[in-house]
C-alpha atoms as a PDB file:
ATOM      1  CA  MET A   1      -0.350  -0.290  -0.059  1.00  0.00           C
ATOM      2  CA  THR A   2       1.306   3.637  -0.903  1.00  0.00           C
ATOM      3  CA  ASP A   3       0.639   7.315  -0.904  1.00  0.00           C
ATOM      4  CA  SER A   4      -1.811   8.283  -3.751  1.00  0.00           C
ATOM      5  CA  THR A   5       0.212   9.467  -6.338  1.00  0.00           C
ATOM      6  CA  ASP A   6      -2.462  12.438  -7.610  1.00  0.00           C
ATOM      7  CA  ALA A   7      -2.177  13.398  -3.822  1.00  0.00           C
ATOM      8  CA  PRO A   8       0.039  16.829  -3.297  1.00  0.00           C
ATOM      9  CA  LYS A   9       2.713  15.668  -1.140  1.00  0.00           C
ATOM     10  CA  VAL A  10       3.306  18.852   0.676  1.00  0.00           C
ATOM     11  CA  LEU A  11      -0.461  20.350   1.789  1.00  0.00           C
ATOM     12  CA  VAL A  12      -0.236  24.707   1.774  1.00  0.00           C
ATOM     13  CA  ARG A  13      -2.848  26.411   2.715  1.00  0.00           C
ATOM     14  CA  THR A  14      -3.613  29.029   5.177  1.00  0.00           C
ATOM     15  CA  GLU A  15      -5.833  28.929   8.172  1.00  0.00           C
ATOM     16  CA  GLY A  16      -7.238  32.653   9.434  1.00  0.00           C
ATOM     17  CA  ALA A  17      -3.552  34.206  10.038  1.00  0.00           C
ATOM     18  CA  LEU A  18      -1.348  30.413  10.170  1.00  0.00           C
ATOM     19  CA  GLY A  19      -0.015  29.240   6.664  1.00  0.00           C
ATOM     20  CA  ARG A  20       0.026  25.546   7.392  1.00  0.00           C
ATOM     21  CA  LEU A  21       2.599  23.398   6.200  1.00  0.00           C
ATOM     22  CA  THR A  22       1.533  19.420   6.648  1.00  0.00           C
ATOM     23  CA  LEU A  23       3.911  16.984   4.830  1.00  0.00           C
ATOM     24  CA  ASN A  24       1.841  13.986   3.351  1.00  0.00           C
ATOM     25  CA  ARG A  25       3.377  11.236   2.266  1.00  0.00           C
ATOM     26  CA  PRO A  26       2.261   9.682   5.156  1.00  0.00           C
ATOM     27  CA  ARG A  27       2.444   5.765   4.789  1.00  0.00           C
ATOM     28  CA  ALA A  28       6.466   6.566   4.678  1.00  0.00           C
ATOM     29  CA  ILE A  29       6.633   8.635   7.096  1.00  0.00           C
ATOM     30  CA  ASN A  30       6.382  11.941   5.377  1.00  0.00           C
ATOM     31  CA  ALA A  31      10.304  10.981   3.532  1.00  0.00           C
ATOM     32  CA  LEU A  32      11.240  14.060   2.286  1.00  0.00           C
ATOM     33  CA  ASP A  33      12.308  14.141  -1.663  1.00  0.00           C
ATOM     34  CA  GLN A  34      13.476  17.078  -3.944  1.00  0.00           C
ATOM     35  CA  ASP A  35       9.934  18.212  -5.371  1.00  0.00           C
ATOM     36  CA  MET A  36       8.587  18.305  -0.971  1.00  0.00           C
ATOM     37  CA  ILE A  37      11.489  20.710  -0.477  1.00  0.00           C
ATOM     38  CA  SER A  38      10.691  22.714  -4.332  1.00  0.00           C
ATOM     39  CA  LEU A  39       6.785  22.936  -2.723  1.00  0.00           C
ATOM     40  CA  LEU A  40       7.848  23.448   1.464  1.00  0.00           C
ATOM     41  CA  THR A  41      10.517  26.480   0.123  1.00  0.00           C
ATOM     42  CA  ALA A  42       8.185  28.276  -2.200  1.00  0.00           C
ATOM     43  CA  ALA A  43       5.430  28.537   0.189  1.00  0.00           C
ATOM     44  CA  LEU A  44       8.021  29.783   2.604  1.00  0.00           C
ATOM     45  CA  ASP A  45       9.048  32.341  -0.258  1.00  0.00           C
ATOM     46  CA  ALA A  46       5.479  33.402  -0.758  1.00  0.00           C
ATOM     47  CA  TRP A  47       4.552  33.970   2.434  1.00  0.00           C
ATOM     48  CA  ARG A  48       7.605  35.359   3.476  1.00  0.00           C
ATOM     49  CA  HIS A  49       5.736  39.731   2.863  1.00  0.00           C
ATOM     50  CA  ASP A  50       2.161  37.960   2.656  1.00  0.00           C
ATOM     51  CA  THR A  51       0.505  40.126   5.915  1.00  0.00           C
ATOM     52  CA  ASP A  52      -2.152  37.684   6.218  1.00  0.00           C
ATOM     53  CA  VAL A  53       0.415  35.250   7.258  1.00  0.00           C
ATOM     54  CA  GLN A  54       1.637  36.024  10.763  1.00  0.00           C
ATOM     55  CA  ILE A  55       2.717  32.742  11.962  1.00  0.00           C
ATOM     56  CA  VAL A  56       3.875  29.552  10.232  1.00  0.00           C
ATOM     57  CA  MET A  57       3.673  25.542  10.782  1.00  0.00           C
ATOM     58  CA  ILE A  58       5.040  22.423   9.885  1.00  0.00           C
ATOM     59  CA  ASP A  59       3.821  19.156  10.582  1.00  0.00           C
ATOM     60  CA  GLY A  60       3.364  16.048   8.969  1.00  0.00           C
ATOM     61  CA  ALA A  61       0.472  14.053   7.990  1.00  0.00           C
ATOM     62  CA  GLY A  62      -0.739  10.337   9.556  1.00  0.00           C
ATOM     63  CA  GLU A  63      -0.431   9.299  12.744  1.00  0.00           C
ATOM     64  CA  ARG A  64       3.094   7.459  12.565  1.00  0.00           C
ATOM     65  CA  GLY A  65       5.312  10.530  12.554  1.00  0.00           C
ATOM     66  CA  MET A  66       6.242  14.173  11.055  1.00  0.00           C
ATOM     67  CA  CYS A  67       9.284  13.190   8.431  1.00  0.00           C
ATOM     68  CA  ALA A  68      11.549  10.274   9.362  1.00  0.00           C
ATOM     69  CA  GLY A  69      14.055  11.764   7.075  1.00  0.00           C
ATOM     70  CA  GLY A  70      15.339  12.016   3.511  1.00  0.00           C
ATOM     71  CA  ASP A  71      14.686   9.195   0.577  1.00  0.00           C
ATOM     72  CA  ILE A  72      17.875   7.486   1.383  1.00  0.00           C
ATOM     73  CA  ARG A  73      17.073   4.857  -1.418  1.00  0.00           C
ATOM     74  CA  ALA A  74      16.544   7.218  -3.592  1.00  0.00           C
ATOM     75  CA  LEU A  75      20.163   8.586  -2.740  1.00  0.00           C
ATOM     76  CA  HIS A  76      21.586   5.162  -3.138  1.00  0.00           C
ATOM     77  CA  SER A  77      20.718   5.318  -6.579  1.00  0.00           C
ATOM     78  CA  GLN A  78      21.697   8.170  -7.812  1.00  0.00           C
ATOM     79  CA  ILE A  79      25.245   7.577  -6.777  1.00  0.00           C
ATOM     80  CA  VAL A  80      25.591   3.866  -7.688  1.00  0.00           C
ATOM     81  CA  ALA A  81      24.125   5.132 -10.799  1.00  0.00           C
ATOM     82  CA  GLY A  82      26.906   8.180 -11.005  1.00  0.00           C
ATOM     83  CA  ARG A  83      24.322  10.902 -10.791  1.00  0.00           C
ATOM     84  CA  THR A  84      25.781  12.306  -8.533  1.00  0.00           C
ATOM     85  CA  ASP A  85      24.366  16.037  -9.306  1.00  0.00           C
ATOM     86  CA  GLU A  86      20.989  15.240  -8.323  1.00  0.00           C
ATOM     87  CA  THR A  87      22.220  14.547  -4.841  1.00  0.00           C
ATOM     88  CA  ILE A  88      24.162  17.526  -4.420  1.00  0.00           C
ATOM     89  CA  ASP A  89      21.315  19.759  -6.074  1.00  0.00           C
ATOM     90  CA  PHE A  90      19.675  17.914  -3.161  1.00  0.00           C
ATOM     91  CA  PHE A  91      21.309  18.231  -0.723  1.00  0.00           C
ATOM     92  CA  ARG A  92      22.564  22.417  -1.070  1.00  0.00           C
ATOM     93  CA  ALA A  93      18.621  22.555  -1.525  1.00  0.00           C
ATOM     94  CA  GLU A  94      17.469  20.265   2.193  1.00  0.00           C
ATOM     95  CA  TYR A  95      20.610  22.921   4.062  1.00  0.00           C
ATOM     96  CA  ALA A  96      18.582  26.287   2.303  1.00  0.00           C
ATOM     97  CA  LEU A  97      15.550  24.523   3.458  1.00  0.00           C
ATOM     98  CA  ASP A  98      16.649  24.731   6.903  1.00  0.00           C
ATOM     99  CA  ALA A  99      18.797  27.747   6.741  1.00  0.00           C
ATOM    100  CA  MET A 100      15.098  29.500   5.832  1.00  0.00           C
ATOM    101  CA  ILE A 101      13.470  28.377   8.903  1.00  0.00           C
ATOM    102  CA  ALA A 102      15.847  29.213  11.248  1.00  0.00           C
ATOM    103  CA  GLU A 103      16.451  33.076  10.101  1.00  0.00           C
ATOM    104  CA  TYR A 104      12.708  32.792   8.903  1.00  0.00           C
ATOM    105  CA  PRO A 105      11.318  36.659   9.406  1.00  0.00           C
ATOM    106  CA  LYS A 106       8.270  35.412  10.690  1.00  0.00           C
ATOM    107  CA  PRO A 107       7.838  32.799  14.244  1.00  0.00           C
ATOM    108  CA  VAL A 108       7.771  29.255  12.059  1.00  0.00           C
ATOM    109  CA  VAL A 109       6.519  26.316  14.868  1.00  0.00           C
ATOM    110  CA  ALA A 110       7.408  22.676  14.199  1.00  0.00           C
ATOM    111  CA  ILE A 111       5.338  20.284  15.645  1.00  0.00           C
ATOM    112  CA  ALA A 112       7.577  16.883  15.566  1.00  0.00           C
ATOM    113  CA  ASP A 113       4.699  14.649  17.323  1.00  0.00           C
ATOM    114  CA  GLY A 114       6.013  11.048  16.335  1.00  0.00           C
ATOM    115  CA  ILE A 115       8.664   9.344  14.157  1.00  0.00           C
ATOM    116  CA  THR A 116      10.933  13.025  14.104  1.00  0.00           C
ATOM    117  CA  MET A 117      14.616  12.334  12.531  1.00  0.00           C
ATOM    118  CA  GLY A 118      17.377  13.422  10.013  1.00  0.00           C
ATOM    119  CA  GLY A 119      15.961  15.324   8.159  1.00  0.00           C
ATOM    120  CA  GLY A 120      12.988  15.879   9.840  1.00  0.00           C
ATOM    121  CA  ILE A 121      15.268  16.933  12.874  1.00  0.00           C
ATOM    122  CA  GLY A 122      16.246  20.090   9.609  1.00  0.00           C
ATOM    123  CA  LEU A 123      13.405  20.968   9.263  1.00  0.00           C
ATOM    124  CA  ALA A 124      11.842  20.921  13.100  1.00  0.00           C
ATOM    125  CA  GLY A 125      15.186  21.425  15.242  1.00  0.00           C
ATOM    126  CA  HIS A 126      16.062  25.065  14.008  1.00  0.00           C
ATOM    127  CA  ALA A 127      12.519  26.220  13.720  1.00  0.00           C
ATOM    128  CA  ALA A 128      11.461  29.127  16.131  1.00  0.00           C
ATOM    129  CA  ILE A 129       8.617  26.943  18.475  1.00  0.00           C
ATOM    130  CA  ARG A 130       9.531  23.574  18.487  1.00  0.00           C
ATOM    131  CA  VAL A 131       6.539  20.908  20.284  1.00  0.00           C
ATOM    132  CA  VAL A 132       7.359  17.893  21.112  1.00  0.00           C
ATOM    133  CA  THR A 133       4.202  15.639  22.415  1.00  0.00           C
ATOM    134  CA  GLU A 134       4.420  11.270  23.903  1.00  0.00           C
ATOM    135  CA  ARG A 135       3.959   9.628  20.986  1.00  0.00           C
ATOM    136  CA  SER A 136       7.796  11.834  19.336  1.00  0.00           C
ATOM    137  CA  THR A 137      10.475   9.733  18.649  1.00  0.00           C
ATOM    138  CA  LEU A 138      13.647  11.594  17.684  1.00  0.00           C
ATOM    139  CA  ALA A 139      16.864  11.073  16.598  1.00  0.00           C
ATOM    140  CA  MET A 140      20.235  12.268  14.324  1.00  0.00           C
ATOM    141  CA  PRO A 141      20.612   8.104  12.551  1.00  0.00           C
ATOM    142  CA  GLU A 142      23.169   7.737  10.761  1.00  0.00           C
ATOM    143  CA  THR A 143      25.947   6.465  11.913  1.00  0.00           C
ATOM    144  CA  ARG A 144      23.577   3.674  11.452  1.00  0.00           C
ATOM    145  CA  ILE A 145      24.078   3.094   7.873  1.00  0.00           C
ATOM    146  CA  GLY A 146      27.911   4.370   7.773  1.00  0.00           C
ATOM    147  CA  PHE A 147      27.434   8.366   7.737  1.00  0.00           C
ATOM    148  CA  THR A 148      27.150  11.426   9.514  1.00  0.00           C
ATOM    149  CA  PRO A 149      24.561  13.472  11.378  1.00  0.00           C
ATOM    150  CA  ASP A 150      23.700  16.674   8.544  1.00  0.00           C
ATOM    151  CA  VAL A 151      20.519  19.621   7.818  1.00  0.00           C
ATOM    152  CA  GLY A 152      22.455  21.070  10.699  1.00  0.00           C
ATOM    153  CA  GLY A 153      22.240  18.345  13.561  1.00  0.00           C
ATOM    154  CA  THR A 154      25.946  18.702  14.759  1.00  0.00           C
ATOM    155  CA  TRP A 155      25.041  22.477  15.641  1.00  0.00           C
ATOM    156  CA  LEU A 156      22.121  20.940  18.166  1.00  0.00           C
ATOM    157  CA  LEU A 157      24.738  18.310  18.913  1.00  0.00           C
ATOM    158  CA  GLY A 158      27.105  20.761  19.885  1.00  0.00           C
ATOM    159  CA  ARG A 159      25.030  22.377  22.121  1.00  0.00           C
ATOM    160  CA  ALA A 160      23.613  19.541  24.157  1.00  0.00           C
ATOM    161  CA  PRO A 161      24.391  19.951  28.180  1.00  0.00           C
ATOM    162  CA  GLY A 162      27.468  18.331  28.909  1.00  0.00           C
ATOM    163  CA  ARG A 163      28.841  15.592  25.869  1.00  0.00           C
ATOM    164  CA  PHE A 164      25.380  13.959  24.415  1.00  0.00           C
ATOM    165  CA  GLY A 165      26.042  15.580  21.918  1.00  0.00           C
ATOM    166  CA  GLU A 166      28.678  13.172  21.136  1.00  0.00           C
ATOM    167  CA  TYR A 167      26.624  10.231  22.447  1.00  0.00           C
ATOM    168  CA  PHE A 168      23.762  10.791  20.578  1.00  0.00           C
ATOM    169  CA  GLY A 169      25.607  11.327  17.660  1.00  0.00           C
ATOM    170  CA  LEU A 170      28.433   8.919  16.965  1.00  0.00           C
ATOM    171  CA  THR A 171      24.915   5.703  18.215  1.00  0.00           C
ATOM    172  CA  GLY A 172      22.071   7.053  16.960  1.00  0.00           C
ATOM    173  CA  ARG A 173      19.975   6.667  19.475  1.00  0.00           C
ATOM    174  CA  THR A 174      16.461   7.761  19.989  1.00  0.00           C
ATOM    175  CA  MET A 175      15.353  10.849  22.447  1.00  0.00           C
ATOM    176  CA  ASN A 176      11.504  10.438  24.059  1.00  0.00           C
ATOM    177  CA  ALA A 177      10.050  14.128  23.984  1.00  0.00           C
ATOM    178  CA  ALA A 178      11.862  14.963  27.635  1.00  0.00           C
ATOM    179  CA  ASP A 179      15.206  13.925  26.346  1.00  0.00           C
ATOM    180  CA  ALA A 180      13.990  16.514  23.500  1.00  0.00           C
ATOM    181  CA  LEU A 181      13.411  19.363  25.979  1.00  0.00           C
ATOM    182  CA  TYR A 182      16.154  18.752  27.769  1.00  0.00           C
ATOM    183  CA  LEU A 183      19.033  18.207  25.511  1.00  0.00           C
ATOM    184  CA  GLY A 184      17.724  21.530  23.510  1.00  0.00           C
ATOM    185  CA  PHE A 185      15.996  19.262  20.081  1.00  0.00           C
ATOM    186  CA  ALA A 186      12.382  20.932  21.797  1.00  0.00           C
ATOM    187  CA  ASP A 187      11.074  24.072  23.473  1.00  0.00           C
ATOM    188  CA  HIS A 188       6.948  22.944  24.490  1.00  0.00           C
ATOM    189  CA  PHE A 189       5.941  19.489  25.171  1.00  0.00           C
ATOM    190  CA  VAL A 190       1.558  19.325  23.655  1.00  0.00           C
ATOM    191  CA  PRO A 191      -0.532  16.086  24.324  1.00  0.00           C
ATOM    192  CA  SER A 192      -1.407  14.618  21.103  1.00  0.00           C
ATOM    193  CA  GLU A 193      -4.657  14.857  21.681  1.00  0.00           C
ATOM    194  CA  ARG A 194      -4.315  18.826  22.212  1.00  0.00           C
ATOM    195  CA  LEU A 195      -2.537  19.204  19.108  1.00  0.00           C
ATOM    196  CA  ASP A 196      -5.779  20.276  16.862  1.00  0.00           C
ATOM    197  CA  ALA A 197      -6.809  23.043  19.613  1.00  0.00           C
ATOM    198  CA  LEU A 198      -3.225  24.314  19.468  1.00  0.00           C
ATOM    199  CA  ARG A 199      -3.354  24.694  15.277  1.00  0.00           C
ATOM    200  CA  ASP A 200      -7.266  26.400  15.692  1.00  0.00           C
ATOM    201  CA  ALA A 201      -5.172  28.633  18.789  1.00  0.00           C
ATOM    202  CA  LEU A 202      -2.514  29.708  16.294  1.00  0.00           C
ATOM    203  CA  ALA A 203      -5.222  30.520  13.268  1.00  0.00           C
ATOM    204  CA  HIS A 204      -7.639  32.233  14.965  1.00  0.00           C
ATOM    205  CA  ARG A 205      -6.581  34.049  17.841  1.00  0.00           C
ATOM    206  CA  ALA A 206      -8.433  37.085  18.371  1.00  0.00           C
ATOM    207  CA  ASP A 207      -5.331  38.818  20.848  1.00  0.00           C
ATOM    208  CA  PRO A 208      -2.272  40.082  19.671  1.00  0.00           C
ATOM    209  CA  THR A 209      -0.305  37.697  21.544  1.00  0.00           C
ATOM    210  CA  GLY A 210       2.432  35.997  20.324  1.00  0.00           C
ATOM    211  CA  PRO A 211       3.016  32.216  19.439  1.00  0.00           C
ATOM    212  CA  SER A 212       4.772  31.236  22.521  1.00  0.00           C
ATOM    213  CA  GLU A 213       2.137  32.351  24.714  1.00  0.00           C
ATOM    214  CA  ILE A 214      -0.262  31.000  23.042  1.00  0.00           C
ATOM    215  CA  VAL A 215       1.525  27.789  23.345  1.00  0.00           C
ATOM    216  CA  LEU A 216       2.671  27.909  26.163  1.00  0.00           C
ATOM    217  CA  LEU A 217      -1.717  27.397  27.029  1.00  0.00           C
ATOM    218  CA  PHE A 218      -1.029  23.956  25.985  1.00  0.00           C
ATOM    219  CA  ASP A 219       2.339  22.926  27.132  1.00  0.00           C
ATOM    220  CA  GLU A 220       2.210  20.353  30.002  1.00  0.00           C
ATOM    221  CA  THR A 221       5.217  18.978  31.100  1.00  0.00           C
ATOM    222  CA  PRO A 222       5.907  15.378  30.855  1.00  0.00           C
ATOM    223  CA  ASP A 223       7.388  13.166  32.994  1.00  0.00           C
ATOM    224  CA  PRO A 224      11.144  14.005  33.763  1.00  0.00           C
ATOM    225  CA  SER A 225      14.455  12.522  31.435  1.00  0.00           C
ATOM    226  CA  HIS A 226      16.576  10.413  32.354  1.00  0.00           C
ATOM    227  CA  LEU A 227      19.079  10.939  30.207  1.00  0.00           C
ATOM    228  CA  PRO A 228      20.520  13.370  33.719  1.00  0.00           C
ATOM    229  CA  ALA A 229      21.284   9.687  35.380  1.00  0.00           C
ATOM    230  CA  SER A 230      23.810   9.033  33.017  1.00  0.00           C
ATOM    231  CA  ARG A 231      26.102  11.811  32.463  1.00  0.00           C
ATOM    232  CA  ALA A 232      28.187  11.018  34.743  1.00  0.00           C
ATOM    233  CA  TRP A 233      29.796   8.061  32.316  1.00  0.00           C
ATOM    234  CA  ILE A 234      28.485   9.616  29.455  1.00  0.00           C
ATOM    235  CA  ASP A 235      30.518  12.835  29.708  1.00  0.00           C
ATOM    236  CA  GLU A 236      33.785  11.189  31.231  1.00  0.00           C
ATOM    237  CA  ALA A 237      33.624   8.450  28.182  1.00  0.00           C
ATOM    238  CA  PHE A 238      33.189  10.912  25.369  1.00  0.00           C
ATOM    239  CA  SER A 239      35.194  13.712  25.865  1.00  0.00           C
ATOM    240  CA  ALA A 240      37.788  11.182  24.830  1.00  0.00           C
ATOM    241  CA  PRO A 241      39.756  12.985  22.367  1.00  0.00           C
ATOM    242  CA  ASP A 242      38.826   9.638  19.224  1.00  0.00           C
ATOM    243  CA  VAL A 243      36.431   6.591  19.010  1.00  0.00           C
ATOM    244  CA  ARG A 244      38.676   4.625  20.549  1.00  0.00           C
ATOM    245  CA  GLU A 245      39.184   5.579  23.211  1.00  0.00           C
ATOM    246  CA  ILE A 246      35.074   6.671  23.981  1.00  0.00           C
ATOM    247  CA  ILE A 247      35.164   2.431  23.754  1.00  0.00           C
ATOM    248  CA  ALA A 248      38.053   2.010  26.075  1.00  0.00           C
ATOM    249  CA  ARG A 249      36.199   4.406  28.532  1.00  0.00           C
ATOM    250  CA  LEU A 250      32.903   2.983  28.113  1.00  0.00           C
ATOM    251  CA  ARG A 251      34.648  -0.435  28.894  1.00  0.00           C
ATOM    252  CA  ALA A 252      36.563   0.427  32.343  1.00  0.00           C
ATOM    253  CA  SER A 253      33.549   2.217  33.517  1.00  0.00           C
ATOM    254  CA  GLY A 254      31.689  -0.437  35.026  1.00  0.00           C
ATOM    255  CA  GLU A 255      27.886   0.445  33.908  1.00  0.00           C
ATOM    256  CA  THR A 256      25.407  -1.100  32.512  1.00  0.00           C
ATOM    257  CA  ASP A 257      24.744   0.936  29.599  1.00  0.00           C
ATOM    258  CA  ALA A 258      27.722   2.361  29.286  1.00  0.00           C
ATOM    259  CA  ALA A 259      29.380  -1.250  27.638  1.00  0.00           C
ATOM    260  CA  ASP A 260      25.755  -2.079  25.669  1.00  0.00           C
ATOM    261  CA  THR A 261      26.620   1.934  24.503  1.00  0.00           C
ATOM    262  CA  ALA A 262      30.230   0.463  23.642  1.00  0.00           C
ATOM    263  CA  ASP A 263      28.805  -2.808  21.686  1.00  0.00           C
ATOM    264  CA  LEU A 264      26.544  -1.032  19.597  1.00  0.00           C
ATOM    265  CA  LEU A 265      29.771   1.431  18.280  1.00  0.00           C
ATOM    266  CA  GLU A 266      31.565  -1.711  17.380  1.00  0.00           C
ATOM    267  CA  SER A 267      28.672  -2.646  15.444  1.00  0.00           C
ATOM    268  CA  LEU A 268      29.090   0.299  13.585  1.00  0.00           C
ATOM    269  CA  ALA A 269      30.752   2.028  10.879  1.00  0.00           C
ATOM    270  CA  PRO A 270      34.227   3.500  12.110  1.00  0.00           C
ATOM    271  CA  THR A 271      34.658   5.905   9.619  1.00  0.00           C
ATOM    272  CA  GLY A 272      31.642   6.917   9.870  1.00  0.00           C
ATOM    273  CA  LEU A 273      31.646   7.666  13.411  1.00  0.00           C
ATOM    274  CA  ALA A 274      35.351   9.313  13.556  1.00  0.00           C
ATOM    275  CA  VAL A 275      34.172  11.549  11.025  1.00  0.00           C
ATOM    276  CA  THR A 276      30.966  13.148  13.686  1.00  0.00           C
ATOM    277  CA  LEU A 277      32.350  12.737  16.413  1.00  0.00           C
ATOM    278  CA  ASP A 278      34.970  15.519  14.749  1.00  0.00           C
ATOM    279  CA  ALA A 279      31.924  17.548  12.729  1.00  0.00           C
ATOM    280  CA  VAL A 280      29.856  17.446  16.102  1.00  0.00           C
ATOM    281  CA  ARG A 281      33.340  19.390  18.512  1.00  0.00           C
ATOM    282  CA  GLU A 282      34.110  21.287  15.225  1.00  0.00           C
ATOM    283  CA  ALA A 283      30.063  22.479  15.027  1.00  0.00           C
ATOM    284  CA  ARG A 284      30.212  22.980  18.761  1.00  0.00           C
ATOM    285  CA  GLU A 285      32.853  25.856  18.246  1.00  0.00           C
ATOM    286  CA  MET A 286      30.828  27.270  15.576  1.00  0.00           C
ATOM    287  CA  SER A 287      29.425  31.154  14.923  1.00  0.00           C
ATOM    288  CA  GLY A 288      25.962  30.127  13.921  1.00  0.00           C
ATOM    289  CA  LEU A 289      24.145  27.278  12.166  1.00  0.00           C
ATOM    290  CA  ARG A 290      25.000  28.444   7.848  1.00  0.00           C
ATOM    291  CA  ALA A 291      28.443  27.618   8.798  1.00  0.00           C
ATOM    292  CA  ALA A 292      27.613  24.287  11.133  1.00  0.00           C
ATOM    293  CA  LEU A 293      25.640  23.268   7.666  1.00  0.00           C
ATOM    294  CA  GLU A 294      29.142  24.017   5.780  1.00  0.00           C
ATOM    295  CA  GLY A 295      30.844  21.791   7.587  1.00  0.00           C
ATOM    296  CA  GLU A 296      28.133  18.852   7.005  1.00  0.00           C
ATOM    297  CA  TYR A 297      27.913  20.063   3.452  1.00  0.00           C
ATOM    298  CA  ARG A 298      32.018  19.075   2.991  1.00  0.00           C
ATOM    299  CA  ARG A 299      31.803  16.234   5.055  1.00  0.00           C
ATOM    300  CA  VAL A 300      28.458  14.174   3.199  1.00  0.00           C
ATOM    301  CA  LEU A 301      30.074  15.754   0.163  1.00  0.00           C
ATOM    302  CA  TRP A 302      33.120  13.322   1.015  1.00  0.00           C
ATOM    303  CA  PHE A 303      30.731  10.406   1.698  1.00  0.00           C
ATOM    304  CA  VAL A 304      29.230  10.925  -1.100  1.00  0.00           C
ATOM    305  CA  HIS A 305      32.361  10.807  -3.434  1.00  0.00           C
ATOM    306  CA  ARG A 306      34.707   9.527  -1.656  1.00  0.00           C
ATOM    307  CA  HIS A 307      34.305   6.860   0.295  1.00  0.00           C
ATOM    308  CA  PRO A 308      31.948   3.650   0.444  1.00  0.00           C
ATOM    309  CA  ASP A 309      30.699   3.549   3.618  1.00  0.00           C
ATOM    310  CA  LEU A 310      26.943   5.612   2.846  1.00  0.00           C
ATOM    311  CA  VAL A 311      26.692   3.440   0.286  1.00  0.00           C
ATOM    312  CA  GLU A 312      27.215   0.406   1.345  1.00  0.00           C
ATOM    313  CA  GLY A 313      25.049   0.998   4.785  1.00  0.00           C
ATOM    314  CA  ILE A 314      22.122   2.032   2.526  1.00  0.00           C
ATOM    315  CA  ARG A 315      22.533  -0.995   0.991  1.00  0.00           C
ATOM    316  CA  ALA A 316      22.764  -3.369   3.688  1.00  0.00           C
ATOM    317  CA  GLN A 317      20.113  -1.557   5.265  1.00  0.00           C
ATOM    318  CA  VAL A 318      17.705  -0.744   3.354  1.00  0.00           C
ATOM    319  CA  VAL A 319      18.328  -2.335  -0.911  1.00  0.00           C
ATOM    320  CA  ASP A 320      19.902  -5.665   0.368  1.00  0.00           C
ATOM    321  CA  LYS A 321      18.882  -5.523   4.041  1.00  0.00           C
ATOM    322  CA  ASP A 322      20.983  -8.063   4.910  1.00  0.00           C
ATOM    323  CA  ARG A 323      22.637  -6.308   7.686  1.00  0.00           C
ATOM    324  CA  SER A 324      26.243  -7.407   7.139  1.00  0.00           C
ATOM    325  CA  PRO A 325      27.488  -4.321   5.537  1.00  0.00           C
ATOM    326  CA  ARG A 326      31.408  -4.533   4.727  1.00  0.00           C
ATOM    327  CA  TRP A 327      32.632  -1.531   6.594  1.00  0.00           C
ATOM    328  CA  ASP A 328      36.156   0.401   5.260  1.00  0.00           C
ATOM    329  CA  PRO A 329      38.124   0.251   7.632  1.00  0.00           C
ATOM    330  CA  PRO A 330      36.680  -3.355   8.917  1.00  0.00           C
ATOM    331  CA  THR A 331      37.280  -1.797  12.692  1.00  0.00           C
ATOM    332  CA  ILE A 332      38.006   1.066  15.197  1.00  0.00           C
ATOM    333  CA  ASP A 333      41.159  -0.617  15.434  1.00  0.00           C
ATOM    334  CA  ASP A 334      41.923  -0.134  11.246  1.00  0.00           C
ATOM    335  CA  LEU A 335      41.151   3.333  11.838  1.00  0.00           C
ATOM    336  CA  ALA A 336      43.761   5.980  10.802  1.00  0.00           C
ATOM    337  CA  PRO A 337      44.262   8.304  13.754  1.00  0.00           C
ATOM    338  CA  ASP A 338      43.006  11.546  12.745  1.00  0.00           C
ATOM    339  CA  ALA A 339      40.010   9.609  10.684  1.00  0.00           C
ATOM    340  CA  GLY A 340      38.167  12.663  10.168  1.00  0.00           C
ATOM    341  CA  ALA A 341      40.728  14.782   8.581  1.00  0.00           C
ATOM    342  CA  ASP A 342      40.284  13.791   5.347  1.00  0.00           C
ATOM    343  CA  ALA A 343      36.216  14.362   5.789  1.00  0.00           C
ATOM    344  CA  ARG A 344      36.515  17.564   7.096  1.00  0.00           C
ATOM    345  CA  ALA A 345      39.265  19.217   4.575  1.00  0.00           C
ATOM    346  CA  TYR A 346      37.348  18.274   1.343  1.00  0.00           C
ATOM    347  CA  VAL A 347      36.003  20.904  -0.816  1.00  0.00           C
ATOM    348  CA  PRO A 348      33.747  20.537  -2.259  1.00  0.00           C
ATOM    349  CA  GLU A 349      32.760  22.295  -6.721  1.00  0.00           C
ATOM    350  CA  ARG A 350      30.191  23.594  -5.552  1.00  0.00           C
ATOM    351  CA  ALA A 351      29.380  26.318  -2.601  1.00  0.00           C
ATOM    352  CA  LEU A 352      26.606  25.324  -0.167  1.00  0.00           C
ATOM    353  CA  PHE A 353      26.033  29.088   0.031  1.00  0.00           C
END
């Protein structure tokens, strides 16, 4: 069962003072493709100077999630077929859209209800007002396919408390609503049953109250995150200078969760881990989102043009589904001392901005 080919991939409409953008590929958990990025960009451009639109909302159709990320199967096909110009066009358009949302002159409200990962974080994570629900599951899972976080994910990870940025960037593990609030990936918790009332209030408010104040009327406090209880061993391990030492510290900590994390890291692509560690730490020192996006763009195109692990990871997880990727190098012990340096230094033929 697939989404209707006749249905628009993005629903664009206005309701009162609210401009609504709804990703509309629910059976694909609203995974992003080039057409969707173009539709979102065009709508934001059109509303920029439209005085009737005072607030913009971005959400996703269906019950499963706002956006599961980009269409990685299409990405695999492009690279394998040598159509990397299409790949570059996609990433440039996607990152420009993420920057546009962050810099938009009107408040953008993002509803990260359900699964919101990868490219979905690019849409939701940089909005002015970021809402999660009890169904929210957020992640930057790129290392699971031998890749590295992008769409400004390194900018968000680099600003998480302590070393949680390195932890979530390298492991690709999920955050619930309380975690997302604690880590700075979200601003408000609104129960899913109240989302329709929130949308209506934003569209038809009868006073000049700003959108943040309106969202606060629906905001509740979720059960607290369990992450602070793990911060000591996470900070100790993930402050290590390289991936090999991170795993050694995890093994030495004596914590069951730390040992499980070491097992997970040893199952992932060594190069993706090294590049991600370097990227999060570089983004932590950067001046703004655009600089972080440029750093991600260099690394992403390095994987597209210079390194086989991205194609291999997608093949193993999504195409052949044999779950037996052949990484290069195969183990963390085989990593070069400064394994992230080549990706950091890569110079794309086409600038991002």
